[in-house]
């Protein structure tokens, strides 16, 4: 199952390049991304009772996605990324190239970022499907690219 969350009115698909192979992030049920910036405090004695700030000059881009853990058949193992792929990347300190867009085919315009994974977690409960979540930071922010 591919991600089918509506982003700006369009379905969005999430892919990751792990180990040199671009894979669909399988069974994804939720995708979040956000940008934050921390204003710079430039207060001084002359500021009086109010702090003074400059706009943030550096952005911090967060990404997280959740999914249902699924054991894929052998043909899907090379086509779909799963939580184990992200565990391996986190353990070895490898960054993951991640793409998000309405279509991931030649000529598609998509957002591309380098994901530095900060956490990968599985949740198991009785009589329910196992779920997973992955979170991290996009190094350098998102870039809009046309896929070759």
N, C-alpha and C. Protein backbone atom coordinates (compact mmCIF):
# COMPACT_ATOMS: atom_id res chain seq x y z
N UNK A 1 0.84 -1.16 0.00
CA UNK A 1 0.00 0.00 0.00
C UNK A 1 0.89 1.23 0.00
N UNK A 2 0.60 2.17 -0.86
CA UNK A 2 1.39 3.40 -0.94
C UNK A 2 0.72 4.46 -0.08
N UNK A 3 1.47 5.47 0.22
CA UNK A 3 0.89 6.58 0.97
C UNK A 3 -0.17 7.26 0.11
N UNK A 4 -1.32 7.54 0.68
CA UNK A 4 -2.38 8.18 -0.07
C UNK A 4 -2.89 9.43 0.65
N UNK A 5 -2.07 9.96 1.51
CA UNK A 5 -2.43 11.19 2.21
C UNK A 5 -2.57 12.32 1.20
N UNK A 6 -3.56 13.16 1.41
CA UNK A 6 -3.73 14.32 0.54
C UNK A 6 -2.84 15.46 1.02
N UNK A 7 -1.99 15.95 0.15
CA UNK A 7 -1.14 17.09 0.45
C UNK A 7 -1.43 18.15 -0.61
N UNK A 8 -1.87 19.31 -0.18
CA UNK A 8 -2.26 20.38 -1.10
C UNK A 8 -3.25 19.86 -2.14
N UNK A 9 -4.17 18.98 -1.71
CA UNK A 9 -5.21 18.49 -2.60
C UNK A 9 -4.81 17.34 -3.50
N UNK A 10 -3.57 16.87 -3.42
CA UNK A 10 -3.12 15.78 -4.29
C UNK A 10 -2.65 14.60 -3.45
N UNK A 11 -2.81 13.39 -4.00
CA UNK A 11 -2.22 12.23 -3.34
C UNK A 11 -0.71 12.39 -3.35
N UNK A 12 -0.06 11.89 -2.31
CA UNK A 12 1.40 11.98 -2.26
C UNK A 12 1.99 10.60 -2.03
N UNK A 13 3.08 10.34 -2.71
CA UNK A 13 3.79 9.08 -2.56
C UNK A 13 5.15 9.37 -1.97
N UNK A 14 5.64 8.45 -1.15
CA UNK A 14 6.90 8.62 -0.47
C UNK A 14 7.85 7.50 -0.90
N UNK A 15 9.03 7.91 -1.40
CA UNK A 15 10.05 6.96 -1.81
C UNK A 15 11.34 7.27 -1.07
N UNK A 16 12.18 6.26 -0.91
CA UNK A 16 13.48 6.45 -0.26
C UNK A 16 14.54 5.69 -1.04
N UNK A 17 15.73 6.29 -1.16
CA UNK A 17 16.86 5.60 -1.75
C UNK A 17 17.71 5.08 -0.60
N UNK A 18 17.70 3.77 -0.46
CA UNK A 18 18.44 3.10 0.61
C UNK A 18 19.33 2.06 -0.05
N UNK A 19 20.62 2.14 0.21
CA UNK A 19 21.54 1.19 -0.40
C UNK A 19 21.60 1.32 -1.91
N UNK A 20 21.40 2.54 -2.43
CA UNK A 20 21.50 2.79 -3.86
C UNK A 20 20.26 2.44 -4.66
N UNK A 21 19.22 1.91 -4.03
CA UNK A 21 18.00 1.53 -4.74
C UNK A 21 16.83 2.38 -4.26
N UNK A 22 16.08 2.99 -5.21
CA UNK A 22 14.90 3.78 -4.84
C UNK A 22 13.74 2.83 -4.60
N UNK A 23 13.15 2.92 -3.40
CA UNK A 23 12.06 2.03 -3.01
C UNK A 23 10.87 2.84 -2.52
N UNK A 24 9.67 2.35 -2.80
CA UNK A 24 8.46 2.92 -2.23
C UNK A 24 8.47 2.62 -0.74
N UNK A 25 8.15 3.62 0.09
CA UNK A 25 8.06 3.37 1.52
C UNK A 25 6.72 2.68 1.75
N UNK A 26 6.78 1.37 1.94
CA UNK A 26 5.59 0.54 1.95
C UNK A 26 4.70 0.73 3.16
N UNK A 27 3.41 0.59 2.94
CA UNK A 27 2.39 0.61 4.00
C UNK A 27 2.43 1.87 4.85
N UNK A 28 2.74 3.01 4.24
CA UNK A 28 2.78 4.26 4.99
C UNK A 28 1.38 4.79 5.19
N UNK A 29 1.05 5.14 6.43
CA UNK A 29 -0.29 5.61 6.75
C UNK A 29 -0.33 7.09 7.09
N UNK A 30 0.82 7.68 7.38
CA UNK A 30 0.85 9.10 7.79
C UNK A 30 2.21 9.68 7.46
N UNK A 31 2.22 10.92 7.00
CA UNK A 31 3.46 11.62 6.68
C UNK A 31 3.36 13.06 7.17
N UNK A 32 4.33 13.50 7.94
CA UNK A 32 4.36 14.86 8.46
C UNK A 32 5.70 15.51 8.11
N UNK A 33 5.66 16.76 7.76
CA UNK A 33 6.90 17.52 7.58
C UNK A 33 6.64 18.95 8.03
N UNK A 34 7.65 19.56 8.56
CA UNK A 34 7.51 20.94 9.04
C UNK A 34 8.84 21.64 9.09
N UNK A 35 8.78 22.95 9.00
CA UNK A 35 9.99 23.76 9.05
C UNK A 35 9.85 24.71 10.24
N UNK A 36 10.91 24.79 11.03
CA UNK A 36 10.92 25.72 12.15
C UNK A 36 12.18 26.57 12.09
N UNK A 37 12.08 27.73 12.67
CA UNK A 37 13.23 28.61 12.78
C UNK A 37 13.18 29.29 14.13
N UNK A 38 14.29 29.36 14.81
CA UNK A 38 14.33 29.97 16.14
C UNK A 38 14.84 31.40 16.01
N UNK A 39 13.99 32.38 16.35
CA UNK A 39 14.45 33.77 16.30
C UNK A 39 15.67 33.97 17.18
N UNK A 40 16.55 34.86 16.77
CA UNK A 40 17.80 35.11 17.49
C UNK A 40 17.57 36.23 18.50
N UNK A 41 17.83 35.93 19.75
CA UNK A 41 17.66 36.91 20.84
C UNK A 41 18.82 37.91 20.80
N UNK A 42 18.49 39.17 20.59
CA UNK A 42 19.52 40.22 20.56
C UNK A 42 19.24 41.28 21.64
N UNK A 43 18.64 40.81 22.73
CA UNK A 43 18.30 41.73 23.82
C UNK A 43 19.54 42.33 24.44
N UNK A 44 19.36 43.52 24.94
CA UNK A 44 20.46 44.20 25.66
C UNK A 44 19.84 44.97 26.82
N UNK A 45 20.68 45.61 27.59
CA UNK A 45 20.19 46.41 28.71
C UNK A 45 19.23 47.49 28.20
N UNK A 46 19.51 48.03 27.03
CA UNK A 46 18.68 49.09 26.46
C UNK A 46 17.30 48.57 26.03
N UNK A 47 17.13 47.25 25.94
CA UNK A 47 15.84 46.68 25.53
C UNK A 47 14.76 46.91 26.57
N UNK A 48 15.15 47.21 27.77
CA UNK A 48 14.17 47.43 28.83
C UNK A 48 13.53 46.11 29.24
N UNK A 49 12.22 46.11 29.36
CA UNK A 49 11.51 44.92 29.83
C UNK A 49 11.18 43.95 28.69
N UNK A 50 11.36 44.36 27.46
CA UNK A 50 10.99 43.51 26.33
C UNK A 50 12.22 42.96 25.63
N UNK A 51 12.19 41.68 25.30
CA UNK A 51 13.29 41.10 24.53
C UNK A 51 13.19 41.54 23.08
N UNK A 52 14.32 41.60 22.43
CA UNK A 52 14.36 41.96 21.00
C UNK A 52 14.92 40.77 20.22
N UNK A 53 14.36 40.54 19.04
CA UNK A 53 14.74 39.38 18.24
C UNK A 53 15.03 39.77 16.80
N UNK A 54 15.88 38.98 16.17
CA UNK A 54 16.08 39.02 14.72
C UNK A 54 15.44 37.77 14.15
N UNK A 55 14.96 37.83 12.90
CA UNK A 55 14.38 36.63 12.30
C UNK A 55 15.41 35.50 12.24
N UNK A 56 14.92 34.29 12.32
CA UNK A 56 15.80 33.12 12.24
C UNK A 56 16.49 33.08 10.88
N UNK A 57 17.77 32.77 10.90
CA UNK A 57 18.50 32.70 9.63
C UNK A 57 18.73 31.26 9.20
N UNK A 58 18.47 30.31 10.09
CA UNK A 58 18.67 28.90 9.74
C UNK A 58 17.39 28.14 10.05
N UNK A 59 16.93 27.37 9.06
CA UNK A 59 15.70 26.60 9.20
C UNK A 59 16.02 25.17 9.65
N UNK A 60 15.08 24.58 10.35
CA UNK A 60 15.19 23.21 10.83
C UNK A 60 14.00 22.44 10.25
N UNK A 61 14.24 21.46 9.38
CA UNK A 61 13.17 20.74 8.70
C UNK A 61 13.02 19.35 9.30
N UNK A 62 11.84 19.08 9.85
CA UNK A 62 11.53 17.79 10.46
C UNK A 62 10.67 16.95 9.53
N UNK A 63 10.87 15.63 9.60
CA UNK A 63 10.05 14.69 8.84
C UNK A 63 9.71 13.52 9.74
N UNK A 64 8.47 13.05 9.67
CA UNK A 64 8.12 11.80 10.33
C UNK A 64 7.06 11.10 9.50
N UNK A 65 7.08 9.79 9.55
CA UNK A 65 6.03 9.01 8.88
C UNK A 65 5.77 7.75 9.66
N UNK A 66 4.54 7.30 9.57
CA UNK A 66 4.08 6.10 10.27
C UNK A 66 3.59 5.10 9.25
N UNK A 67 3.59 3.84 9.64
CA UNK A 67 3.08 2.82 8.74
C UNK A 67 2.71 1.56 9.47
N UNK A 68 2.15 0.65 8.71
CA UNK A 68 1.80 -0.67 9.22
C UNK A 68 2.93 -1.61 8.84
N UNK A 69 3.43 -2.35 9.82
CA UNK A 69 4.51 -3.29 9.54
C UNK A 69 3.94 -4.45 8.75
N UNK A 70 4.58 -4.78 7.66
CA UNK A 70 4.10 -5.86 6.79
C UNK A 70 5.29 -6.70 6.37
N UNK A 71 5.11 -8.00 6.38
CA UNK A 71 6.15 -8.89 5.88
C UNK A 71 5.88 -9.09 4.40
N UNK A 72 6.77 -8.55 3.57
CA UNK A 72 6.55 -8.61 2.13
C UNK A 72 7.05 -9.92 1.55
N UNK A 73 6.47 -10.29 0.42
CA UNK A 73 6.95 -11.46 -0.31
C UNK A 73 8.26 -11.09 -0.99
N UNK A 74 8.98 -12.08 -1.47
CA UNK A 74 10.32 -11.85 -1.99
C UNK A 74 10.37 -10.82 -3.11
N UNK A 75 9.37 -10.77 -3.96
CA UNK A 75 9.38 -9.79 -5.05
C UNK A 75 9.26 -8.36 -4.58
N UNK A 76 8.58 -8.17 -3.43
CA UNK A 76 8.40 -6.83 -2.90
C UNK A 76 9.59 -6.33 -2.10
N UNK A 77 10.44 -7.24 -1.67
CA UNK A 77 11.56 -6.85 -0.81
C UNK A 77 12.48 -5.84 -1.48
N UNK A 78 12.63 -5.94 -2.79
CA UNK A 78 13.51 -5.02 -3.51
C UNK A 78 12.78 -3.74 -3.94
N UNK A 79 11.46 -3.73 -3.81
CA UNK A 79 10.68 -2.58 -4.29
C UNK A 79 10.11 -1.72 -3.18
N UNK A 80 10.02 -2.25 -1.96
CA UNK A 80 9.38 -1.50 -0.89
C UNK A 80 10.31 -1.39 0.32
N UNK A 81 10.49 -0.16 0.80
CA UNK A 81 11.28 0.08 2.01
C UNK A 81 10.40 -0.19 3.21
N UNK A 82 10.99 -0.75 4.24
CA UNK A 82 10.24 -1.07 5.45
C UNK A 82 11.06 -0.61 6.65
N UNK A 83 10.50 -0.71 7.83
CA UNK A 83 11.16 -0.18 9.02
C UNK A 83 12.55 -0.78 9.21
N UNK A 84 12.77 -2.01 8.83
CA UNK A 84 14.10 -2.63 8.98
C UNK A 84 15.16 -1.89 8.17
N UNK A 85 14.78 -1.38 6.99
CA UNK A 85 15.71 -0.60 6.18
C UNK A 85 16.13 0.67 6.91
N UNK A 86 15.16 1.31 7.59
CA UNK A 86 15.46 2.54 8.31
C UNK A 86 16.26 2.25 9.59
N UNK A 87 15.98 1.12 10.24
CA UNK A 87 16.80 0.70 11.39
C UNK A 87 18.26 0.57 10.96
N UNK A 88 18.47 -0.11 9.85
CA UNK A 88 19.84 -0.33 9.37
C UNK A 88 20.54 0.99 9.06
N UNK A 89 19.81 1.92 8.43
CA UNK A 89 20.39 3.23 8.12
C UNK A 89 20.72 4.00 9.39
N UNK A 90 19.84 3.93 10.38
CA UNK A 90 20.07 4.61 11.65
C UNK A 90 21.29 4.01 12.37
N UNK A 91 21.37 2.69 12.37
CA UNK A 91 22.46 2.00 13.07
C UNK A 91 23.82 2.31 12.46
N UNK A 92 23.87 2.40 11.14
CA UNK A 92 25.15 2.62 10.46
C UNK A 92 25.44 4.09 10.20
N UNK A 93 24.49 4.98 10.52
CA UNK A 93 24.70 6.40 10.31
C UNK A 93 24.60 6.84 8.87
N UNK A 94 23.94 6.02 8.04
CA UNK A 94 23.78 6.33 6.62
C UNK A 94 22.59 7.27 6.45
N UNK A 95 22.73 8.29 5.60
CA UNK A 95 21.60 9.16 5.28
C UNK A 95 20.76 8.50 4.20
N UNK A 96 19.49 8.87 4.15
CA UNK A 96 18.54 8.30 3.21
C UNK A 96 18.04 9.42 2.30
N UNK A 97 18.13 9.22 1.00
CA UNK A 97 17.58 10.19 0.06
C UNK A 97 16.09 9.92 -0.02
N UNK A 98 15.27 10.94 0.23
CA UNK A 98 13.83 10.73 0.28
C UNK A 98 13.14 11.64 -0.72
N UNK A 99 12.12 11.11 -1.37
CA UNK A 99 11.36 11.84 -2.38
C UNK A 99 9.90 11.83 -1.98
N UNK A 100 9.22 12.97 -2.19
CA UNK A 100 7.76 12.99 -2.00
C UNK A 100 7.14 13.74 -3.17
N UNK A 101 6.07 13.17 -3.68
CA UNK A 101 5.41 13.80 -4.81
C UNK A 101 4.17 13.04 -5.23
N UNK A 102 3.39 13.63 -6.13
CA UNK A 102 2.16 13.01 -6.60
C UNK A 102 2.43 11.82 -7.50
N UNK A 103 3.58 11.81 -8.16
CA UNK A 103 3.98 10.68 -9.00
C UNK A 103 5.50 10.61 -8.97
N UNK A 104 6.02 9.40 -8.94
CA UNK A 104 7.48 9.24 -8.90
C UNK A 104 7.90 8.49 -10.16
N UNK A 105 7.73 9.13 -11.30
CA UNK A 105 8.11 8.55 -12.59
C UNK A 105 8.98 9.55 -13.34
N UNK A 106 9.58 9.13 -14.41
CA UNK A 106 10.43 10.01 -15.21
C UNK A 106 9.65 11.26 -15.61
N UNK A 107 10.26 12.42 -15.37
CA UNK A 107 9.62 13.69 -15.71
C UNK A 107 8.79 14.29 -14.59
N UNK A 108 8.55 13.54 -13.52
CA UNK A 108 7.78 14.06 -12.38
C UNK A 108 8.58 15.11 -11.63
N UNK A 109 7.91 16.17 -11.20
CA UNK A 109 8.53 17.16 -10.34
C UNK A 109 8.19 16.77 -8.90
N UNK A 110 9.23 16.53 -8.10
CA UNK A 110 9.04 16.05 -6.74
C UNK A 110 9.93 16.85 -5.79
N UNK A 111 9.66 16.72 -4.51
CA UNK A 111 10.54 17.28 -3.49
C UNK A 111 11.53 16.20 -3.10
N UNK A 112 12.79 16.58 -2.97
CA UNK A 112 13.85 15.63 -2.63
C UNK A 112 14.62 16.19 -1.44
N UNK A 113 14.95 15.30 -0.50
CA UNK A 113 15.74 15.73 0.65
C UNK A 113 16.62 14.61 1.14
N UNK A 114 17.63 14.97 1.90
CA UNK A 114 18.52 13.99 2.51
C UNK A 114 18.09 13.82 3.95
N UNK A 115 17.53 12.65 4.27
CA UNK A 115 16.99 12.38 5.60
C UNK A 115 18.07 11.81 6.51
N UNK A 116 18.29 12.50 7.62
CA UNK A 116 19.15 11.98 8.68
C UNK A 116 18.19 11.44 9.74
N UNK A 117 18.17 10.13 9.90
CA UNK A 117 17.18 9.49 10.78
C UNK A 117 17.59 9.68 12.24
N UNK A 118 16.61 10.13 13.05
CA UNK A 118 16.87 10.28 14.48
C UNK A 118 16.19 9.19 15.29
N UNK A 119 15.13 8.56 14.75
CA UNK A 119 14.49 7.46 15.46
C UNK A 119 13.71 6.58 14.50
N UNK A 120 13.67 5.32 14.85
CA UNK A 120 12.85 4.32 14.15
C UNK A 120 12.28 3.42 15.23
N UNK A 121 10.98 3.23 15.22
CA UNK A 121 10.33 2.54 16.32
C UNK A 121 9.24 1.62 15.79
N UNK A 122 9.13 0.44 16.39
CA UNK A 122 8.03 -0.48 16.09
C UNK A 122 7.15 -0.59 17.32
N UNK A 123 5.85 -0.74 17.10
CA UNK A 123 4.91 -0.93 18.19
C UNK A 123 4.10 -2.19 17.91
N UNK A 124 4.06 -3.07 18.90
CA UNK A 124 3.33 -4.33 18.76
C UNK A 124 2.29 -4.41 19.86
N UNK A 125 1.09 -4.84 19.51
CA UNK A 125 0.06 -5.03 20.52
C UNK A 125 -0.78 -6.25 20.16
N UNK A 126 -1.37 -6.83 21.15
CA UNK A 126 -2.14 -8.06 20.98
C UNK A 126 -3.32 -7.84 20.05
N UNK A 127 -3.47 -8.69 19.08
CA UNK A 127 -4.60 -8.73 18.16
C UNK A 127 -4.67 -7.54 17.20
N UNK A 128 -3.67 -6.66 17.21
CA UNK A 128 -3.63 -5.55 16.27
C UNK A 128 -2.41 -5.71 15.37
N UNK A 129 -2.45 -5.03 14.24
CA UNK A 129 -1.29 -5.05 13.35
C UNK A 129 -0.16 -4.27 13.99
N UNK A 130 1.05 -4.73 13.77
CA UNK A 130 2.22 -4.00 14.25
C UNK A 130 2.37 -2.72 13.42
N UNK A 131 2.81 -1.66 14.07
CA UNK A 131 3.00 -0.39 13.38
C UNK A 131 4.44 0.07 13.58
N UNK A 132 4.84 1.05 12.78
CA UNK A 132 6.18 1.60 12.94
C UNK A 132 6.12 3.11 12.71
N UNK A 133 7.15 3.79 13.22
CA UNK A 133 7.29 5.22 12.96
C UNK A 133 8.77 5.53 12.77
N UNK A 134 9.04 6.46 11.88
CA UNK A 134 10.40 6.91 11.58
C UNK A 134 10.39 8.43 11.65
N UNK A 135 11.43 9.01 12.24
CA UNK A 135 11.52 10.46 12.33
C UNK A 135 12.97 10.89 12.06
N UNK A 136 13.11 12.11 11.59
CA UNK A 136 14.45 12.62 11.34
C UNK A 136 14.42 14.06 10.86
N UNK A 137 15.58 14.51 10.42
CA UNK A 137 15.76 15.87 9.92
C UNK A 137 16.18 15.81 8.46
N UNK A 138 15.69 16.77 7.68
CA UNK A 138 16.11 16.89 6.29
C UNK A 138 17.30 17.84 6.27
N UNK A 139 18.46 17.31 5.92
CA UNK A 139 19.69 18.11 5.89
C UNK A 139 19.67 19.02 4.67
N UNK A 140 19.72 20.33 4.90
CA UNK A 140 19.75 21.30 3.81
C UNK A 140 18.38 21.66 3.26
N UNK A 141 17.32 21.12 3.82
CA UNK A 141 15.97 21.44 3.36
C UNK A 141 15.55 20.66 2.11
N UNK A 142 14.32 20.86 1.69
CA UNK A 142 13.77 20.20 0.51
C UNK A 142 14.20 20.94 -0.75
N UNK A 143 14.41 20.20 -1.83
CA UNK A 143 14.70 20.79 -3.13
C UNK A 143 13.71 20.24 -4.13
N UNK A 144 13.21 21.07 -5.01
CA UNK A 144 12.31 20.61 -6.07
C UNK A 144 13.13 20.14 -7.25
N UNK A 145 12.92 18.88 -7.67
CA UNK A 145 13.70 18.31 -8.76
C UNK A 145 12.78 17.61 -9.75
N UNK A 146 13.24 17.50 -11.00
CA UNK A 146 12.55 16.72 -12.01
C UNK A 146 13.27 15.40 -12.13
N UNK A 147 12.54 14.31 -11.99
CA UNK A 147 13.17 12.99 -12.03
C UNK A 147 13.60 12.64 -13.45
N UNK A 148 14.83 12.12 -13.61
CA UNK A 148 15.34 11.75 -14.95
C UNK A 148 14.62 10.50 -15.47
